[in-house]
Amino acid sequence: MPLISELLQEVLVCPVCHGELEVDEAKSVLRCKNDGLEFPVRDGIPIMMVNDAGQPMSEAEEAEMKKRIAEAEEADDKATVGL
């Protein structure tokens, strides 16, 4: 199932710069192709409020986040083995 309907995708634009939005299914966001702002999509509803927009993570920030997730999962696995 797509993140948002095709009709919504055709008519929505960035509320800041009026730029075209692209869908990022993995992160459940709509991202402005011009300024990179990301708008969350919750239950198929785009939240287009500027206050809810976020800047995309840099590659270094994303790598650090993935590292922390992997470490947490590894610690969780070790705790589960001890049960």
PDB file of N, CA and C in Angstrom:
ATOM      1  N   MET A   1       0.842  -1.174   0.000  1.00  0.00           N
ATOM      2  CA  MET A   1       0.000   0.000   0.000  1.00  0.00           C
ATOM      3  C   MET A   1       0.893   1.245   0.000  1.00  0.00           C
ATOM      4  N   PRO A   2       0.637   2.186  -0.865  1.00  0.00           N
ATOM      5  CA  PRO A   2       1.482   3.382  -0.922  1.00  0.00           C
ATOM      6  C   PRO A   2       1.303   4.241   0.330  1.00  0.00           C
ATOM      7  N   LEU A   3       2.316   5.049   0.606  1.00  0.00           N
ATOM      8  CA  LEU A   3       2.310   5.916   1.779  1.00  0.00           C
ATOM      9  C   LEU A   3       1.140   6.906   1.728  1.00  0.00           C
ATOM     10  N   ILE A   4       0.929   7.531   0.557  1.00  0.00           N
ATOM     11  CA  ILE A   4      -0.212   8.435   0.352  1.00  0.00           C
ATOM     12  C   ILE A   4      -0.798   8.130  -1.018  1.00  0.00           C
ATOM     13  N   SER A   5      -2.003   8.600  -1.248  1.00  0.00           N
ATOM     14  CA  SER A   5      -2.650   8.360  -2.531  1.00  0.00           C
ATOM     15  C   SER A   5      -1.934   9.134  -3.644  1.00  0.00           C
ATOM     16  N   GLU A   6      -2.066   8.641  -4.859  1.00  0.00           N
ATOM     17  CA  GLU A   6      -1.447   9.310  -6.006  1.00  0.00           C
ATOM     18  C   GLU A   6      -2.011  10.712  -6.193  1.00  0.00           C
ATOM     19  N   LEU A   7      -3.304  10.873  -5.934  1.00  0.00           N
ATOM     20  CA  LEU A   7      -3.936  12.183  -6.077  1.00  0.00           C
ATOM     21  C   LEU A   7      -3.296  13.195  -5.124  1.00  0.00           C
ATOM     22  N   LEU A   8      -3.122  12.807  -3.865  1.00  0.00           N
ATOM     23  CA  LEU A   8      -2.463  13.703  -2.906  1.00  0.00           C
ATOM     24  C   LEU A   8      -1.043  14.028  -3.353  1.00  0.00           C
ATOM     25  N   GLN A   9      -0.339  13.019  -3.805  1.00  0.00           N
ATOM     26  CA  GLN A   9       1.044  13.218  -4.236  1.00  0.00           C
ATOM     27  C   GLN A   9       1.119  14.220  -5.386  1.00  0.00           C
ATOM     28  N   GLU A  10       0.129  14.229  -6.257  1.00  0.00           N
ATOM     29  CA  GLU A  10       0.121  15.149  -7.397  1.00  0.00           C
ATOM     30  C   GLU A  10      -0.152  16.593  -6.992  1.00  0.00           C
ATOM     31  N   VAL A  11      -0.958  16.797  -5.946  1.00  0.00           N
ATOM     32  CA  VAL A  11      -1.373  18.163  -5.614  1.00  0.00           C
ATOM     33  C   VAL A  11      -0.582  18.804  -4.481  1.00  0.00           C
ATOM     34  N   LEU A  12       0.048  18.018  -3.623  1.00  0.00           N
ATOM     35  CA  LEU A  12       0.776  18.596  -2.492  1.00  0.00           C
ATOM     36  C   LEU A  12       2.110  19.196  -2.924  1.00  0.00           C
ATOM     37  N   VAL A  13       2.437  20.317  -2.314  1.00  0.00           N
ATOM     38  CA  VAL A  13       3.737  20.957  -2.514  1.00  0.00           C
ATOM     39  C   VAL A  13       4.278  21.358  -1.145  1.00  0.00           C
ATOM     40  N   CYS A  14       5.540  21.669  -1.096  1.00  0.00           N
ATOM     41  CA  CYS A  14       6.161  22.134   0.137  1.00  0.00           C
ATOM     42  C   CYS A  14       5.484  23.439   0.572  1.00  0.00           C
ATOM     43  N   PRO A  15       5.039  23.525   1.825  1.00  0.00           N
ATOM     44  CA  PRO A  15       4.387  24.752   2.278  1.00  0.00           C
ATOM     45  C   PRO A  15       5.354  25.925   2.450  1.00  0.00           C
ATOM     46  N   VAL A  16       6.642  25.655   2.427  1.00  0.00           N
ATOM     47  CA  VAL A  16       7.633  26.715   2.602  1.00  0.00           C
ATOM     48  C   VAL A  16       8.022  27.328   1.266  1.00  0.00           C
ATOM     49  N   CYS A  17       8.452  26.476   0.321  1.00  0.00           N
ATOM     50  CA  CYS A  17       8.976  27.004  -0.948  1.00  0.00           C
ATOM     51  C   CYS A  17       8.105  26.641  -2.154  1.00  0.00           C
ATOM     52  N   HIS A  18       7.053  25.861  -1.909  1.00  0.00           N
ATOM     53  CA  HIS A  18       6.143  25.399  -2.970  1.00  0.00           C
ATOM     54  C   HIS A  18       6.839  24.448  -3.948  1.00  0.00           C
ATOM     55  N   GLY A  19       7.913  23.820  -3.489  1.00  0.00           N
ATOM     56  CA  GLY A  19       8.642  22.863  -4.311  1.00  0.00           C
ATOM     57  C   GLY A  19       7.959  21.506  -4.357  1.00  0.00           C
ATOM     58  N   GLU A  20       8.390  20.694  -5.288  1.00  0.00           N
ATOM     59  CA  GLU A  20       7.850  19.349  -5.470  1.00  0.00           C
ATOM     60  C   GLU A  20       8.290  18.454  -4.315  1.00  0.00           C
ATOM     61  N   LEU A  21       7.390  17.562  -3.908  1.00  0.00           N
ATOM     62  CA  LEU A  21       7.676  16.630  -2.826  1.00  0.00           C
ATOM     63  C   LEU A  21       7.915  15.241  -3.381  1.00  0.00           C
ATOM     64  N   GLU A  22       8.847  14.521  -2.755  1.00  0.00           N
ATOM     65  CA  GLU A  22       9.067  13.126  -3.104  1.00  0.00           C
ATOM     66  C   GLU A  22       8.709  12.269  -1.898  1.00  0.00           C
ATOM     67  N   VAL A  23       8.262  11.062  -2.162  1.00  0.00           N
ATOM     68  CA  VAL A  23       7.833  10.156  -1.109  1.00  0.00           C
ATOM     69  C   VAL A  23       9.009   9.289  -0.679  1.00  0.00           C
ATOM     70  N   ASP A  24       9.246   9.222   0.630  1.00  0.00           N
ATOM     71  CA  ASP A  24      10.235   8.310   1.198  1.00  0.00           C
ATOM     72  C   ASP A  24       9.463   7.307   2.040  1.00  0.00           C
ATOM     73  N   GLU A  25       9.151   6.173   1.430  1.00  0.00           N
ATOM     74  CA  GLU A  25       8.344   5.141   2.095  1.00  0.00           C
ATOM     75  C   GLU A  25       9.047   4.602   3.338  1.00  0.00           C
ATOM     76  N   ALA A  26      10.364   4.424   3.277  1.00  0.00           N
ATOM     77  CA  ALA A  26      11.110   3.841   4.395  1.00  0.00           C
ATOM     78  C   ALA A  26      11.026   4.703   5.650  1.00  0.00           C
ATOM     79  N   LYS A  27      11.046   6.008   5.475  1.00  0.00           N
ATOM     80  CA  LYS A  27      11.002   6.919   6.625  1.00  0.00           C
ATOM     81  C   LYS A  27       9.598   7.463   6.883  1.00  0.00           C
ATOM     82  N   SER A  28       8.637   7.111   6.037  1.00  0.00           N
ATOM     83  CA  SER A  28       7.254   7.610   6.147  1.00  0.00           C
ATOM     84  C   SER A  28       7.203   9.134   6.172  1.00  0.00           C
ATOM     85  N   VAL A  29       7.898   9.736   5.189  1.00  0.00           N
ATOM     86  CA  VAL A  29       7.901  11.192   5.084  1.00  0.00           C
ATOM     87  C   VAL A  29       7.744  11.615   3.627  1.00  0.00           C
ATOM     88  N   LEU A  30       7.309  12.873   3.463  1.00  0.00           N
ATOM     89  CA  LEU A  30       7.367  13.538   2.166  1.00  0.00           C
ATOM     90  C   LEU A  30       8.528  14.517   2.268  1.00  0.00           C
ATOM     91  N   ARG A  31       9.437  14.502   1.293  1.00  0.00           N
ATOM     92  CA  ARG A  31      10.635  15.345   1.332  1.00  0.00           C
ATOM     93  C   ARG A  31      10.606  16.338   0.184  1.00  0.00           C
ATOM     94  N   CYS A  32      10.869  17.600   0.501  1.00  0.00           N
ATOM     95  CA  CYS A  32      10.926  18.638  -0.518  1.00  0.00           C
ATOM     96  C   CYS A  32      12.206  18.476  -1.322  1.00  0.00           C
ATOM     97  N   LYS A  33      12.072  18.459  -2.637  1.00  0.00           N
ATOM     98  CA  LYS A  33      13.245  18.314  -3.507  1.00  0.00           C
ATOM     99  C   LYS A  33      14.107  19.563  -3.513  1.00  0.00           C
ATOM    100  N   ASN A  34      13.539  20.721  -3.123  1.00  0.00           N
ATOM    101  CA  ASN A  34      14.311  21.970  -3.127  1.00  0.00           C
ATOM    102  C   ASN A  34      15.092  22.190  -1.844  1.00  0.00           C
ATOM    103  N   ASP A  35      14.388  22.171  -0.712  1.00  0.00           N
ATOM    104  CA  ASP A  35      15.057  22.529   0.534  1.00  0.00           C
ATOM    105  C   ASP A  35      15.298  21.363   1.480  1.00  0.00           C
ATOM    106  N   GLY A  36      14.832  20.178   1.123  1.00  0.00           N
ATOM    107  CA  GLY A  36      15.112  18.988   1.918  1.00  0.00           C
ATOM    108  C   GLY A  36      14.254  18.823   3.160  1.00  0.00           C
ATOM    109  N   LEU A  37      13.305  19.735   3.389  1.00  0.00           N
ATOM    110  CA  LEU A  37      12.436  19.574   4.550  1.00  0.00           C
ATOM    111  C   LEU A  37      11.647  18.282   4.421  1.00  0.00           C
ATOM    112  N   GLU A  38      11.437  17.620   5.550  1.00  0.00           N
ATOM    113  CA  GLU A  38      10.694  16.372   5.570  1.00  0.00           C
ATOM    114  C   GLU A  38       9.424  16.548   6.396  1.00  0.00           C
ATOM    115  N   PHE A  39       8.309  16.066   5.844  1.00  0.00           N
ATOM    116  CA  PHE A  39       7.017  16.167   6.498  1.00  0.00           C
ATOM    117  C   PHE A  39       6.512  14.753   6.776  1.00  0.00           C
ATOM    118  N   PRO A  40       6.201  14.451   8.038  1.00  0.00           N
ATOM    119  CA  PRO A  40       5.780  13.091   8.377  1.00  0.00           C
ATOM    120  C   PRO A  40       4.415  12.748   7.791  1.00  0.00           C
ATOM    121  N   VAL A  41       4.229  11.458   7.550  1.00  0.00           N
ATOM    122  CA  VAL A  41       2.932  10.950   7.107  1.00  0.00           C
ATOM    123  C   VAL A  41       2.489   9.947   8.170  1.00  0.00           C
ATOM    124  N   ARG A  42       1.321  10.208   8.758  1.00  0.00           N
ATOM    125  CA  ARG A  42       0.800   9.345   9.817  1.00  0.00           C
ATOM    126  C   ARG A  42      -0.546   8.786   9.387  1.00  0.00           C
ATOM    127  N   ASP A  43      -0.618   7.467   9.329  1.00  0.00           N
ATOM    128  CA  ASP A  43      -1.850   6.784   8.916  1.00  0.00           C
ATOM    129  C   ASP A  43      -2.357   7.289   7.574  1.00  0.00           C
ATOM    130  N   GLY A  44      -1.436   7.538   6.648  1.00  0.00           N
ATOM    131  CA  GLY A  44      -1.795   7.981   5.304  1.00  0.00           C
ATOM    132  C   GLY A  44      -2.107   9.466   5.193  1.00  0.00           C
ATOM    133  N   ILE A  45      -1.935  10.200   6.294  1.00  0.00           N
ATOM    134  CA  ILE A  45      -2.247  11.629   6.295  1.00  0.00           C
ATOM    135  C   ILE A  45      -0.959  12.438   6.399  1.00  0.00           C
ATOM    136  N   PRO A  46      -0.629  13.232   5.379  1.00  0.00           N
ATOM    137  CA  PRO A  46       0.575  14.066   5.445  1.00  0.00           C
ATOM    138  C   PRO A  46       0.389  15.199   6.456  1.00  0.00           C
ATOM    139  N   ILE A  47       1.361  15.365   7.315  1.00  0.00           N
ATOM    140  CA  ILE A  47       1.343  16.442   8.304  1.00  0.00           C
ATOM    141  C   ILE A  47       2.211  17.560   7.723  1.00  0.00           C
ATOM    142  N   MET A  48       1.562  18.543   7.121  1.00  0.00           N
ATOM    143  CA  MET A  48       2.266  19.562   6.346  1.00  0.00           C
ATOM    144  C   MET A  48       2.528  20.844   7.137  1.00  0.00           C
ATOM    145  N   MET A  49       2.497  20.754   8.449  1.00  0.00           N
ATOM    146  CA  MET A  49       2.765  21.922   9.275  1.00  0.00           C
ATOM    147  C   MET A  49       4.270  22.160   9.342  1.00  0.00           C
ATOM    148  N   VAL A  50       4.669  23.378   9.143  1.00  0.00           N
ATOM    149  CA  VAL A  50       6.093  23.711   9.115  1.00  0.00           C
ATOM    150  C   VAL A  50       6.751  23.371  10.445  1.00  0.00           C
ATOM    151  N   ASN A  51       6.030  23.520  11.553  1.00  0.00           N
ATOM    152  CA  ASN A  51       6.595  23.198  12.865  1.00  0.00           C
ATOM    153  C   ASN A  51       6.933  21.719  12.999  1.00  0.00           C
ATOM    154  N   ASP A  52       6.263  20.845  12.243  1.00  0.00           N
ATOM    155  CA  ASP A  52       6.516  19.415  12.308  1.00  0.00           C
ATOM    156  C   ASP A  52       7.562  18.960  11.291  1.00  0.00           C
ATOM    157  N   ALA A  53       8.003  19.871  10.453  1.00  0.00           N
ATOM    158  CA  ALA A  53       8.993  19.518   9.427  1.00  0.00           C
ATOM    159  C   ALA A  53      10.350  19.323  10.080  1.00  0.00           C
ATOM    160  N   GLY A  54      11.118  18.434   9.512  1.00  0.00           N
ATOM    161  CA  GLY A  54      12.464  18.192  10.013  1.00  0.00           C
ATOM    162  C   GLY A  54      13.461  18.214   8.881  1.00  0.00           C
ATOM    163  N   GLN A  55      14.673  18.547   9.215  1.00  0.00           N
ATOM    164  CA  GLN A  55      15.747  18.482   8.233  1.00  0.00           C
ATOM    165  C   GLN A  55      16.208  17.029   8.129  1.00  0.00           C
ATOM    166  N   PRO A  56      16.544  16.579   6.951  1.00  0.00           N
ATOM    167  CA  PRO A  56      17.037  15.208   6.819  1.00  0.00           C
ATOM    168  C   PRO A  56      18.370  15.055   7.537  1.00  0.00           C
ATOM    169  N   MET A  57      18.631  13.843   7.993  1.00  0.00           N
ATOM    170  CA  MET A  57      19.898  13.567   8.673  1.00  0.00           C
ATOM    171  C   MET A  57      21.040  13.556   7.675  1.00  0.00           C
ATOM    172  N   SER A  58      22.190  13.971   8.150  1.00  0.00           N
ATOM    173  CA  SER A  58      23.382  13.848   7.323  1.00  0.00           C
ATOM    174  C   SER A  58      23.772  12.372   7.282  1.00  0.00           C
ATOM    175  N   GLU A  59      24.649  12.018   6.371  1.00  0.00           N
ATOM    176  CA  GLU A  59      25.094  10.627   6.277  1.00  0.00           C
ATOM    177  C   GLU A  59      25.767  10.193   7.571  1.00  0.00           C
ATOM    178  N   ALA A  60      26.535  11.087   8.191  1.00  0.00           N
ATOM    179  CA  ALA A  60      27.216  10.759   9.447  1.00  0.00           C
ATOM    180  C   ALA A  60      26.199  10.523  10.569  1.00  0.00           C
ATOM    181  N   GLU A  61      25.150  11.375  10.636  1.00  0.00           N
ATOM    182  CA  GLU A  61      24.115  11.204  11.652  1.00  0.00           C
ATOM    183  C   GLU A  61      23.358   9.893  11.446  1.00  0.00           C
ATOM    184  N   GLU A  62      23.064   9.581  10.185  1.00  0.00           N
ATOM    185  CA  GLU A  62      22.354   8.341   9.888  1.00  0.00           C
ATOM    186  C   GLU A  62      23.204   7.130  10.250  1.00  0.00           C
ATOM    187  N   ALA A  63      24.505   7.176   9.949  1.00  0.00           N
ATOM    188  CA  ALA A  63      25.406   6.074  10.287  1.00  0.00           C
ATOM    189  C   ALA A  63      25.489   5.899  11.803  1.00  0.00           C
ATOM    190  N   GLU A  64      25.558   6.997  12.537  1.00  0.00           N
ATOM    191  CA  GLU A  64      25.609   6.934  14.001  1.00  0.00           C
ATOM    192  C   GLU A  64      24.316   6.340  14.556  1.00  0.00           C
ATOM    193  N   MET A  65      23.173   6.734  13.990  1.00  0.00           N
ATOM    194  CA  MET A  65      21.905   6.202  14.446  1.00  0.00           C
ATOM    195  C   MET A  65      21.838   4.692  14.201  1.00  0.00           C
ATOM    196  N   LYS A  66      22.263   4.253  13.019  1.00  0.00           N
ATOM    197  CA  LYS A  66      22.240   2.829  12.698  1.00  0.00           C
ATOM    198  C   LYS A  66      23.168   2.049  13.623  1.00  0.00           C
ATOM    199  N   LYS A  67      24.318   2.639  13.953  1.00  0.00           N
ATOM    200  CA  LYS A  67      25.269   2.001  14.863  1.00  0.00           C
ATOM    201  C   LYS A  67      24.633   1.824  16.240  1.00  0.00           C
ATOM    202  N   ARG A  68      23.972   2.862  16.735  1.00  0.00           N
ATOM    203  CA  ARG A  68      23.331   2.784  18.050  1.00  0.00           C
ATOM    204  C   ARG A  68      22.193   1.765  18.065  1.00  0.00           C
ATOM    205  N   ILE A  69      21.446   1.701  16.976  1.00  0.00           N
ATOM    206  CA  ILE A  69      20.361   0.715  16.894  1.00  0.00           C
ATOM    207  C   ILE A  69      20.945  -0.694  16.923  1.00  0.00           C
ATOM    208  N   ALA A  70      22.007  -0.925  16.168  1.00  0.00           N
ATOM    209  CA  ALA A  70      22.649  -2.243  16.139  1.00  0.00           C
ATOM    210  C   ALA A  70      23.180  -2.613  17.519  1.00  0.00           C
ATOM    211  N   GLU A  71      23.789  -1.654  18.216  1.00  0.00           N
ATOM    212  CA  GLU A  71      24.303  -1.911  19.566  1.00  0.00           C
ATOM    213  C   GLU A  71      23.170  -2.244  20.531  1.00  0.00           C
ATOM    214  N   ALA A  72      22.066  -1.528  20.414  1.00  0.00           N
ATOM    215  CA  ALA A  72      20.921  -1.781  21.290  1.00  0.00           C
ATOM    216  C   ALA A  72      20.320  -3.156  21.004  1.00  0.00           C
ATOM    217  N   GLU A  73      20.233  -3.517  19.736  1.00  0.00           N
ATOM    218  CA  GLU A  73      19.700  -4.835  19.378  1.00  0.00           C
ATOM    219  C   GLU A  73      20.618  -5.939  19.878  1.00  0.00           C
ATOM    220  N   GLU A  74      21.934  -5.723  19.784  1.00  0.00           N
ATOM    221  CA  GLU A  74      22.892  -6.715  20.269  1.00  0.00           C
ATOM    222  C   GLU A  74      22.772  -6.876  21.789  1.00  0.00           C
ATOM    223  N   ALA A  75      22.644  -5.770  22.513  1.00  0.00           N
ATOM    224  CA  ALA A  75      22.480  -5.832  23.963  1.00  0.00           C
ATOM    225  C   ALA A  75      21.169  -6.531  24.313  1.00  0.00           C
ATOM    226  N   ASP A  76      20.137  -6.283  23.539  1.00  0.00           N
ATOM    227  CA  ASP A  76      18.841  -6.919  23.766  1.00  0.00           C
ATOM    228  C   ASP A  76      18.942  -8.423  23.540  1.00  0.00           C
ATOM    229  N   ASP A  77      19.669  -8.830  22.481  1.00  0.00           N
ATOM    230  CA  ASP A  77      19.865 -10.252  22.207  1.00  0.00           C
ATOM    231  C   ASP A  77      20.601 -10.934  23.349  1.00  0.00           C
ATOM    232  N   LYS A  78      21.633 -10.287  23.880  1.00  0.00           N
ATOM    233  CA  LYS A  78      22.404 -10.851  24.995  1.00  0.00           C
ATOM    234  C   LYS A  78      21.528 -10.989  26.232  1.00  0.00           C
ATOM    235  N   ALA A  79      20.664 -10.019  26.470  1.00  0.00           N
ATOM    236  CA  ALA A  79      19.776 -10.079  27.629  1.00  0.00           C
ATOM    237  C   ALA A  79      18.760 -11.196  27.472  1.00  0.00           C
ATOM    238  N   THR A  80      18.309 -11.409  26.245  1.00  0.00           N
ATOM    239  CA  THR A  80      17.319 -12.458  25.981  1.00  0.00           C
ATOM    240  C   THR A  80      17.926 -13.836  26.193  1.00  0.00           C
ATOM    241  N   VAL A  81      19.193 -14.021  25.828  1.00  0.00           N
ATOM    242  CA  VAL A  81      19.881 -15.301  25.981  1.00  0.00           C
ATOM    243  C   VAL A  81      19.973 -15.656  27.461  1.00  0.00           C
ATOM    244  N   GLY A  82      20.137 -14.666  28.307  1.00  0.00           N
ATOM    245  CA  GLY A  82      20.284 -14.913  29.743  1.00  0.00           C
ATOM    246  C   GLY A  82      18.995 -15.298  30.432  1.00  0.00           C
ATOM    247  N   LEU A  83      17.863 -15.237  29.744  1.00  0.00           N
ATOM    248  CA  LEU A  83      16.583 -15.563  30.388  1.00  0.00           C
ATOM    249  C   LEU A  83      16.382 -17.034  30.542  1.00  0.00           C
TER     250      LEU A  83
END
